Amino acid sequence: MRLVVEISLYPLNQAYLKPIQSFIERLNGYEDLYVKTSATSTVVAGDNVRLMQILQEEMQVTHEEVGQAIFVCKFLNGTNMELD
């Protein structure tokens, strides 16, 4: 199954742009993911199991770097969805 996740990241500190950019850059480093960023969120698509594993790892990295951060996510079954 292909999973599509729309993610918005809100680091709870004054220097919020760098952690957001870092998170997006790390997601873009995975060749097996589709990543598209807009002004307020990033859409990520990939194999369900693999994508959840990546999100778990990358969210942990963000929390370790930033401390407190909020991730707002929407999860969709993307098996029959066309992206771009």
PDB file of N, CA and C in Angstrom:
ATOM      1  N   MET A   1       0.838  -1.177   0.000  1.00  0.00           N
ATOM      2  CA  MET A   1       0.000   0.000   0.000  1.00  0.00           C
ATOM      3  C   MET A   1       0.883   1.240   0.000  1.00  0.00           C
ATOM      4  N   ARG A   2       0.489   2.217  -0.789  1.00  0.00           N
ATOM      5  CA  ARG A   2       1.189   3.494  -0.786  1.00  0.00           C
ATOM      6  C   ARG A   2       0.485   4.432   0.187  1.00  0.00           C
ATOM      7  N   LEU A   3       1.273   5.096   1.007  1.00  0.00           N
ATOM      8  CA  LEU A   3       0.771   6.037   1.986  1.00  0.00           C
ATOM      9  C   LEU A   3       1.161   7.445   1.578  1.00  0.00           C
ATOM     10  N   VAL A   4       0.240   8.389   1.764  1.00  0.00           N
ATOM     11  CA  VAL A   4       0.511   9.803   1.530  1.00  0.00           C
ATOM     12  C   VAL A   4       0.306  10.517   2.860  1.00  0.00           C
ATOM     13  N   VAL A   5       1.295  11.321   3.252  1.00  0.00           N
ATOM     14  CA  VAL A   5       1.222  12.039   4.511  1.00  0.00           C
ATOM     15  C   VAL A   5       1.476  13.523   4.241  1.00  0.00           C
ATOM     16  N   GLU A   6       0.572  14.363   4.735  1.00  0.00           N
ATOM     17  CA  GLU A   6       0.782  15.806   4.693  1.00  0.00           C
ATOM     18  C   GLU A   6       1.248  16.217   6.085  1.00  0.00           C
ATOM     19  N   ILE A   7       2.422  16.840   6.165  1.00  0.00           N
ATOM     20  CA  ILE A   7       3.053  17.157   7.447  1.00  0.00           C
ATOM     21  C   ILE A   7       3.299  18.654   7.561  1.00  0.00           C
ATOM     22  N   SER A   8       2.949  19.202   8.714  1.00  0.00           N
ATOM     23  CA  SER A   8       3.338  20.566   9.078  1.00  0.00           C
ATOM     24  C   SER A   8       4.139  20.457  10.370  1.00  0.00           C
ATOM     25  N   LEU A   9       5.271  21.128  10.415  1.00  0.00           N
ATOM     26  CA  LEU A   9       6.165  21.083  11.582  1.00  0.00           C
ATOM     27  C   LEU A   9       6.202  22.453  12.230  1.00  0.00           C
ATOM     28  N   TYR A  10       6.015  22.459  13.545  1.00  0.00           N
ATOM     29  CA  TYR A  10       6.054  23.701  14.319  1.00  0.00           C
ATOM     30  C   TYR A  10       7.051  23.552  15.467  1.00  0.00           C
ATOM     31  N   PRO A  11       8.333  23.894  15.238  1.00  0.00           N
ATOM     32  CA  PRO A  11       9.304  23.861  16.338  1.00  0.00           C
ATOM     33  C   PRO A  11       8.930  24.923  17.377  1.00  0.00           C
ATOM     34  N   LEU A  12       8.978  24.553  18.636  1.00  0.00           N
ATOM     35  CA  LEU A  12       8.590  25.480  19.692  1.00  0.00           C
ATOM     36  C   LEU A  12       9.809  26.234  20.220  1.00  0.00           C
ATOM     37  N   ASN A  13      10.435  26.975  19.323  1.00  0.00           N
ATOM     38  CA  ASN A  13      11.523  27.865  19.704  1.00  0.00           C
ATOM     39  C   ASN A  13      11.588  29.022  18.712  1.00  0.00           C
ATOM     40  N   GLN A  14      12.374  30.011  19.021  1.00  0.00           N
ATOM     41  CA  GLN A  14      12.421  31.219  18.201  1.00  0.00           C
ATOM     42  C   GLN A  14      13.068  30.980  16.833  1.00  0.00           C
ATOM     43  N   ALA A  15      14.047  30.105  16.791  1.00  0.00           N
ATOM     44  CA  ALA A  15      14.739  29.816  15.531  1.00  0.00           C
ATOM     45  C   ALA A  15      14.058  28.623  14.858  1.00  0.00           C
ATOM     46  N   TYR A  16      12.880  28.857  14.311  1.00  0.00           N
ATOM     47  CA  TYR A  16      12.066  27.747  13.814  1.00  0.00           C
ATOM     48  C   TYR A  16      12.356  27.360  12.367  1.00  0.00           C
ATOM     49  N   LEU A  17      12.914  28.270  11.560  1.00  0.00           N
ATOM     50  CA  LEU A  17      13.111  27.956  10.139  1.00  0.00           C
ATOM     51  C   LEU A  17      14.148  26.859   9.908  1.00  0.00           C
ATOM     52  N   LYS A  18      15.263  26.906  10.613  1.00  0.00           N
ATOM     53  CA  LYS A  18      16.324  25.923  10.392  1.00  0.00           C
ATOM     54  C   LYS A  18      15.854  24.488  10.660  1.00  0.00           C
ATOM     55  N   PRO A  19      15.152  24.209  11.765  1.00  0.00           N
ATOM     56  CA  PRO A  19      14.679  22.829  11.963  1.00  0.00           C
ATOM     57  C   PRO A  19      13.692  22.366  10.894  1.00  0.00           C
ATOM     58  N   ILE A  20      12.848  23.263  10.419  1.00  0.00           N
ATOM     59  CA  ILE A  20      11.908  22.906   9.353  1.00  0.00           C
ATOM     60  C   ILE A  20      12.673  22.573   8.076  1.00  0.00           C
ATOM     61  N   GLN A  21      13.616  23.426   7.709  1.00  0.00           N
ATOM     62  CA  GLN A  21      14.419  23.193   6.506  1.00  0.00           C
ATOM     63  C   GLN A  21      15.212  21.898   6.623  1.00  0.00           C
ATOM     64  N   SER A  22      15.766  21.645   7.798  1.00  0.00           N
ATOM     65  CA  SER A  22      16.547  20.426   8.013  1.00  0.00           C
ATOM     66  C   SER A  22      15.681  19.184   7.855  1.00  0.00           C
ATOM     67  N   PHE A  23      14.483  19.199   8.421  1.00  0.00           N
ATOM     68  CA  PHE A  23      13.561  18.063   8.315  1.00  0.00           C
ATOM     69  C   PHE A  23      13.211  17.793   6.850  1.00  0.00           C
ATOM     70  N   ILE A  24      12.886  18.843   6.110  1.00  0.00           N
ATOM     71  CA  ILE A  24      12.532  18.697   4.699  1.00  0.00           C
ATOM     72  C   ILE A  24      13.720  18.195   3.888  1.00  0.00           C
ATOM     73  N   GLU A  25      14.911  18.724   4.142  1.00  0.00           N
ATOM     74  CA  GLU A  25      16.107  18.272   3.426  1.00  0.00           C
ATOM     75  C   GLU A  25      16.374  16.791   3.685  1.00  0.00           C
ATOM     76  N   ARG A  26      16.197  16.357   4.923  1.00  0.00           N
ATOM     77  CA  ARG A  26      16.404  14.937   5.224  1.00  0.00           C
ATOM     78  C   ARG A  26      15.396  14.069   4.488  1.00  0.00           C
ATOM     79  N   LEU A  27      14.132  14.498   4.436  1.00  0.00           N
ATOM     80  CA  LEU A  27      13.129  13.732   3.690  1.00  0.00           C
ATOM     81  C   LEU A  27      13.483  13.670   2.215  1.00  0.00           C
ATOM     82  N   ASN A  28      13.963  14.766   1.659  1.00  0.00           N
ATOM     83  CA  ASN A  28      14.361  14.789   0.246  1.00  0.00           C
ATOM     84  C   ASN A  28      15.541  13.869  -0.045  1.00  0.00           C
ATOM     85  N   GLY A  29      16.271  13.471   0.974  1.00  0.00           N
ATOM     86  CA  GLY A  29      17.420  12.583   0.790  1.00  0.00           C
ATOM     87  C   GLY A  29      17.053  11.131   0.547  1.00  0.00           C
ATOM     88  N   TYR A  30      15.805  10.776   0.742  1.00  0.00           N
ATOM     89  CA  TYR A  30      15.355   9.397   0.519  1.00  0.00           C
ATOM     90  C   TYR A  30      14.852   9.268  -0.915  1.00  0.00           C
ATOM     91  N   GLU A  31      15.547   8.468  -1.700  1.00  0.00           N
ATOM     92  CA  GLU A  31      15.199   8.317  -3.115  1.00  0.00           C
ATOM     93  C   GLU A  31      13.874   7.587  -3.319  1.00  0.00           C
ATOM     94  N   ASP A  32      13.450   6.796  -2.336  1.00  0.00           N
ATOM     95  CA  ASP A  32      12.223   6.024  -2.496  1.00  0.00           C
ATOM     96  C   ASP A  32      10.975   6.778  -2.035  1.00  0.00           C
ATOM     97  N   LEU A  33      11.113   8.063  -1.710  1.00  0.00           N
ATOM     98  CA  LEU A  33       9.969   8.872  -1.302  1.00  0.00           C
ATOM     99  C   LEU A  33       9.669   9.951  -2.330  1.00  0.00           C
ATOM    100  N   TYR A  34       8.401  10.274  -2.454  1.00  0.00           N
ATOM    101  CA  TYR A  34       7.946  11.454  -3.195  1.00  0.00           C
ATOM    102  C   TYR A  34       7.790  12.546  -2.150  1.00  0.00           C
ATOM    103  N   VAL A  35       8.428  13.700  -2.368  1.00  0.00           N
ATOM    104  CA  VAL A  35       8.352  14.811  -1.420  1.00  0.00           C
ATOM    105  C   VAL A  35       8.043  16.087  -2.186  1.00  0.00           C
ATOM    106  N   LYS A  36       6.992  16.786  -1.762  1.00  0.00           N
ATOM    107  CA  LYS A  36       6.640  18.068  -2.361  1.00  0.00           C
ATOM    108  C   LYS A  36       6.308  19.038  -1.232  1.00  0.00           C
ATOM    109  N   THR A  37       7.009  20.165  -1.223  1.00  0.00           N
ATOM    110  CA  THR A  37       6.850  21.145  -0.159  1.00  0.00           C
ATOM    111  C   THR A  37       6.100  22.366  -0.659  1.00  0.00           C
ATOM    112  N   SER A  38       5.163  22.825   0.162  1.00  0.00           N
ATOM    113  CA  SER A  38       4.450  24.073  -0.118  1.00  0.00           C
ATOM    114  C   SER A  38       4.760  25.051   1.021  1.00  0.00           C
ATOM    115  N   ALA A  39       4.080  26.173   1.043  1.00  0.00           N
ATOM    116  CA  ALA A  39       4.352  27.206   2.041  1.00  0.00           C
ATOM    117  C   ALA A  39       4.024  26.757   3.463  1.00  0.00           C
ATOM    118  N   THR A  40       3.049  25.883   3.638  1.00  0.00           N
ATOM    119  CA  THR A  40       2.616  25.529   4.990  1.00  0.00           C
ATOM    120  C   THR A  40       2.758  24.054   5.347  1.00  0.00           C
ATOM    121  N   SER A  41       3.063  23.214   4.377  1.00  0.00           N
ATOM    122  CA  SER A  41       3.182  21.784   4.674  1.00  0.00           C
ATOM    123  C   SER A  41       4.030  21.090   3.615  1.00  0.00           C
ATOM    124  N   THR A  42       4.346  19.843   3.913  1.00  0.00           N
ATOM    125  CA  THR A  42       5.083  18.991   2.981  1.00  0.00           C
ATOM    126  C   THR A  42       4.294  17.703   2.800  1.00  0.00           C
ATOM    127  N   VAL A  43       4.114  17.293   1.550  1.00  0.00           N
ATOM    128  CA  VAL A  43       3.455  16.033   1.232  1.00  0.00           C
ATOM    129  C   VAL A  43       4.540  15.003   0.942  1.00  0.00           C
ATOM    130  N   VAL A  44       4.434  13.863   1.614  1.00  0.00           N
ATOM    131  CA  VAL A  44       5.396  12.782   1.449  1.00  0.00           C
ATOM    132  C   VAL A  44       4.614  11.522   1.107  1.00  0.00           C
ATOM    133  N   ALA A  45       5.078  10.783   0.109  1.00  0.00           N
ATOM    134  CA  ALA A  45       4.410   9.549  -0.288  1.00  0.00           C
ATOM    135  C   ALA A  45       5.441   8.449  -0.468  1.00  0.00           C
ATOM    136  N   GLY A  46       5.030   7.239  -0.145  1.00  0.00           N
ATOM    137  CA  GLY A  46       5.906   6.095  -0.309  1.00  0.00           C
ATOM    138  C   GLY A  46       5.230   4.848   0.222  1.00  0.00           C
ATOM    139  N   ASP A  47       5.959   3.755   0.198  1.00  0.00           N
ATOM    140  CA  ASP A  47       5.457   2.503   0.750  1.00  0.00           C
ATOM    141  C   ASP A  47       5.086   2.711   2.215  1.00  0.00           C
ATOM    142  N   ASN A  48       3.923   2.232   2.602  1.00  0.00           N
ATOM    143  CA  ASN A  48       3.387   2.452   3.947  1.00  0.00           C
ATOM    144  C   ASN A  48       4.395   2.132   5.050  1.00  0.00           C
ATOM    145  N   VAL A  49       4.924   0.929   5.046  1.00  0.00           N
ATOM    146  CA  VAL A  49       5.832   0.495   6.113  1.00  0.00           C
ATOM    147  C   VAL A  49       7.111   1.318   6.100  1.00  0.00           C
ATOM    148  N   ARG A  50       7.675   1.499   4.934  1.00  0.00           N
ATOM    149  CA  ARG A  50       8.927   2.258   4.807  1.00  0.00           C
ATOM    150  C   ARG A  50       8.733   3.710   5.218  1.00  0.00           C
ATOM    151  N   LEU A  51       7.661   4.342   4.771  1.00  0.00           N
ATOM    152  CA  LEU A  51       7.417   5.741   5.097  1.00  0.00           C
ATOM    153  C   LEU A  51       7.226   5.930   6.599  1.00  0.00           C
ATOM    154  N   MET A  52       6.482   5.050   7.247  1.00  0.00           N
ATOM    155  CA  MET A  52       6.289   5.171   8.690  1.00  0.00           C
ATOM    156  C   MET A  52       7.604   4.999   9.442  1.00  0.00           C
ATOM    157  N   GLN A  53       8.453   4.109   8.960  1.00  0.00           N
ATOM    158  CA  GLN A  53       9.775   3.914   9.572  1.00  0.00           C
ATOM    159  C   GLN A  53      10.615   5.187   9.440  1.00  0.00           C
ATOM    160  N   ILE A  54      10.612   5.773   8.250  1.00  0.00           N
ATOM    161  CA  ILE A  54      11.377   7.005   8.011  1.00  0.00           C
ATOM    162  C   ILE A  54      10.844   8.144   8.877  1.00  0.00           C
ATOM    163  N   LEU A  55       9.532   8.301   8.925  1.00  0.00           N
ATOM    164  CA  LEU A  55       8.955   9.383   9.727  1.00  0.00           C
ATOM    165  C   LEU A  55       9.302   9.217  11.207  1.00  0.00           C
ATOM    166  N   GLN A  56       9.259   8.002  11.694  1.00  0.00           N
ATOM    167  CA  GLN A  56       9.616   7.753  13.091  1.00  0.00           C
ATOM    168  C   GLN A  56      11.054   8.199  13.360  1.00  0.00           C
ATOM    169  N   GLU A  57      11.965   7.816  12.482  1.00  0.00           N
ATOM    170  CA  GLU A  57      13.376   8.168  12.654  1.00  0.00           C
ATOM    171  C   GLU A  57      13.594   9.672  12.544  1.00  0.00           C
ATOM    172  N   GLU A  58      13.014  10.290  11.533  1.00  0.00           N
ATOM    173  CA  GLU A  58      13.257  11.711  11.292  1.00  0.00           C
ATOM    174  C   GLU A  58      12.558  12.612  12.313  1.00  0.00           C
ATOM    175  N   MET A  59      11.404  12.199  12.803  1.00  0.00           N
ATOM    176  CA  MET A  59      10.750  12.962  13.853  1.00  0.00           C
ATOM    177  C   MET A  59      11.576  12.903  15.140  1.00  0.00           C
ATOM    178  N   GLN A  60      12.163  11.750  15.416  1.00  0.00           N
ATOM    179  CA  GLN A  60      13.024  11.624  16.589  1.00  0.00           C
ATOM    180  C   GLN A  60      14.249  12.534  16.466  1.00  0.00           C
ATOM    181  N   VAL A  61      14.863  12.568  15.283  1.00  0.00           N
ATOM    182  CA  VAL A  61      16.010  13.446  15.061  1.00  0.00           C
ATOM    183  C   VAL A  61      15.615  14.894  15.328  1.00  0.00           C
ATOM    184  N   THR A  62      14.463  15.298  14.807  1.00  0.00           N
ATOM    185  CA  THR A  62      13.994  16.674  15.016  1.00  0.00           C
ATOM    186  C   THR A  62      13.796  16.961  16.497  1.00  0.00           C
ATOM    187  N   HIS A  63      13.169  16.058  17.221  1.00  0.00           N
ATOM    188  CA  HIS A  63      12.955  16.272  18.652  1.00  0.00           C
ATOM    189  C   HIS A  63      14.279  16.334  19.415  1.00  0.00           C
ATOM    190  N   GLU A  64      15.248  15.525  18.999  1.00  0.00           N
ATOM    191  CA  GLU A  64      16.565  15.573  19.652  1.00  0.00           C
ATOM    192  C   GLU A  64      17.277  16.888  19.371  1.00  0.00           C
ATOM    193  N   GLU A  65      17.137  17.420  18.165  1.00  0.00           N
ATOM    194  CA  GLU A  65      17.791  18.675  17.795  1.00  0.00           C
ATOM    195  C   GLU A  65      17.097  19.895  18.396  1.00  0.00           C
ATOM    196  N   VAL A  66      15.771  19.894  18.411  1.00  0.00           N
ATOM    197  CA  VAL A  66      14.990  21.080  18.758  1.00  0.00           C
ATOM    198  C   VAL A  66      14.518  21.059  20.204  1.00  0.00           C
ATOM    199  N   GLY A  67      14.242  19.898  20.723  1.00  0.00           N
ATOM    200  CA  GLY A  67      13.578  19.797  22.022  1.00  0.00           C
ATOM    201  C   GLY A  67      12.100  19.585  21.782  1.00  0.00           C
ATOM    202  N   GLN A  68      11.310  20.627  21.915  1.00  0.00           N
ATOM    203  CA  GLN A  68       9.873  20.527  21.705  1.00  0.00           C
ATOM    204  C   GLN A  68       9.499  20.968  20.295  1.00  0.00           C
ATOM    205  N   ALA A  69       8.690  20.168  19.641  1.00  0.00           N
ATOM    206  CA  ALA A  69       8.183  20.488  18.307  1.00  0.00           C
ATOM    207  C   ALA A  69       6.856  19.772  18.111  1.00  0.00           C
ATOM    208  N   ILE A  70       5.981  20.410  17.366  1.00  0.00           N
ATOM    209  CA  ILE A  70       4.681  19.824  17.055  1.00  0.00           C
ATOM    210  C   ILE A  70       4.686  19.377  15.594  1.00  0.00           C
ATOM    211  N   PHE A  71       4.270  18.148  15.354  1.00  0.00           N
ATOM    212  CA  PHE A  71       4.054  17.638  14.008  1.00  0.00           C
ATOM    213  C   PHE A  71       2.554  17.458  13.827  1.00  0.00           C
ATOM    214  N   VAL A  72       1.987  18.124  12.834  1.00  0.00           N
ATOM    215  CA  VAL A  72       0.586  17.936  12.492  1.00  0.00           C
ATOM    216  C   VAL A  72       0.571  17.148  11.192  1.00  0.00           C
ATOM    217  N   CYS A  73      -0.052  15.958  11.226  1.00  0.00           N
ATOM    218  CA  CYS A  73       0.002  15.056  10.075  1.00  0.00           C
ATOM    219  C   CYS A  73      -1.391  14.585   9.669  1.00  0.00           C
ATOM    220  N   LYS A  74      -1.566  14.452   8.357  1.00  0.00           N
ATOM    221  CA  LYS A  74      -2.763  13.843   7.786  1.00  0.00           C
ATOM    222  C   LYS A  74      -2.288  12.628   6.998  1.00  0.00           C
ATOM    223  N   PHE A  75      -2.882  11.489   7.262  1.00  0.00           N
ATOM    224  CA  PHE A  75      -2.495  10.244   6.608  1.00  0.00           C
ATOM    225  C   PHE A  75      -3.598   9.798   5.655  1.00  0.00           C
ATOM    226  N   LEU A  76      -3.211   9.494   4.408  1.00  0.00           N
ATOM    227  CA  LEU A  76      -4.180   9.065   3.394  1.00  0.00           C
ATOM    228  C   LEU A  76      -3.689   7.794   2.713  1.00  0.00           C
ATOM    229  N   ASN A  77      -4.636   6.948   2.354  1.00  0.00           N
ATOM    230  CA  ASN A  77      -4.305   5.810   1.518  1.00  0.00           C
ATOM    231  C   ASN A  77      -4.046   6.357   0.124  1.00  0.00           C
ATOM    232  N   GLY A  78      -2.818   6.282  -0.319  1.00  0.00           N
ATOM    233  CA  GLY A  78      -2.448   6.863  -1.606  1.00  0.00           C
ATOM    234  C   GLY A  78      -2.319   5.870  -2.730  1.00  0.00           C
ATOM    235  N   THR A  79      -2.821   4.662  -2.523  1.00  0.00           N
ATOM    236  CA  THR A  79      -2.659   3.620  -3.533  1.00  0.00           C
ATOM    237  C   THR A  79      -3.207   4.038  -4.885  1.00  0.00           C
ATOM    238  N   ASN A  80      -4.354   4.697  -4.925  1.00  0.00           N
ATOM    239  CA  ASN A  80      -4.956   5.081  -6.187  1.00  0.00           C
ATOM    240  C   ASN A  80      -4.861   6.587  -6.475  1.00  0.00           C
ATOM    241  N   MET A  81      -3.982   7.270  -5.767  1.00  0.00           N
ATOM    242  CA  MET A  81      -3.837   8.713  -5.949  1.00  0.00           C
ATOM    243  C   MET A  81      -2.729   9.024  -6.953  1.00  0.00           C
ATOM    244  N   GLU A  82      -2.964  10.026  -7.757  1.00  0.00           N
ATOM    245  CA  GLU A  82      -1.923  10.546  -8.641  1.00  0.00           C
ATOM    246  C   GLU A  82      -1.319  11.776  -7.987  1.00  0.00           C
ATOM    247  N   LEU A  83      -0.015  11.833  -7.930  1.00  0.00           N
ATOM    248  CA  LEU A  83       0.688  12.976  -7.374  1.00  0.00           C
ATOM    249  C   LEU A  83       1.412  13.684  -8.503  1.00  0.00           C
ATOM    250  N   ASP A  84       1.197  14.956  -8.586  1.00  0.00           N
ATOM    251  CA  ASP A  84       1.737  15.803  -9.677  1.00  0.00           C
ATOM    252  C   ASP A  84       1.254  15.266 -10.960  1.00  0.00           C
TER     253      ASP A  84
END
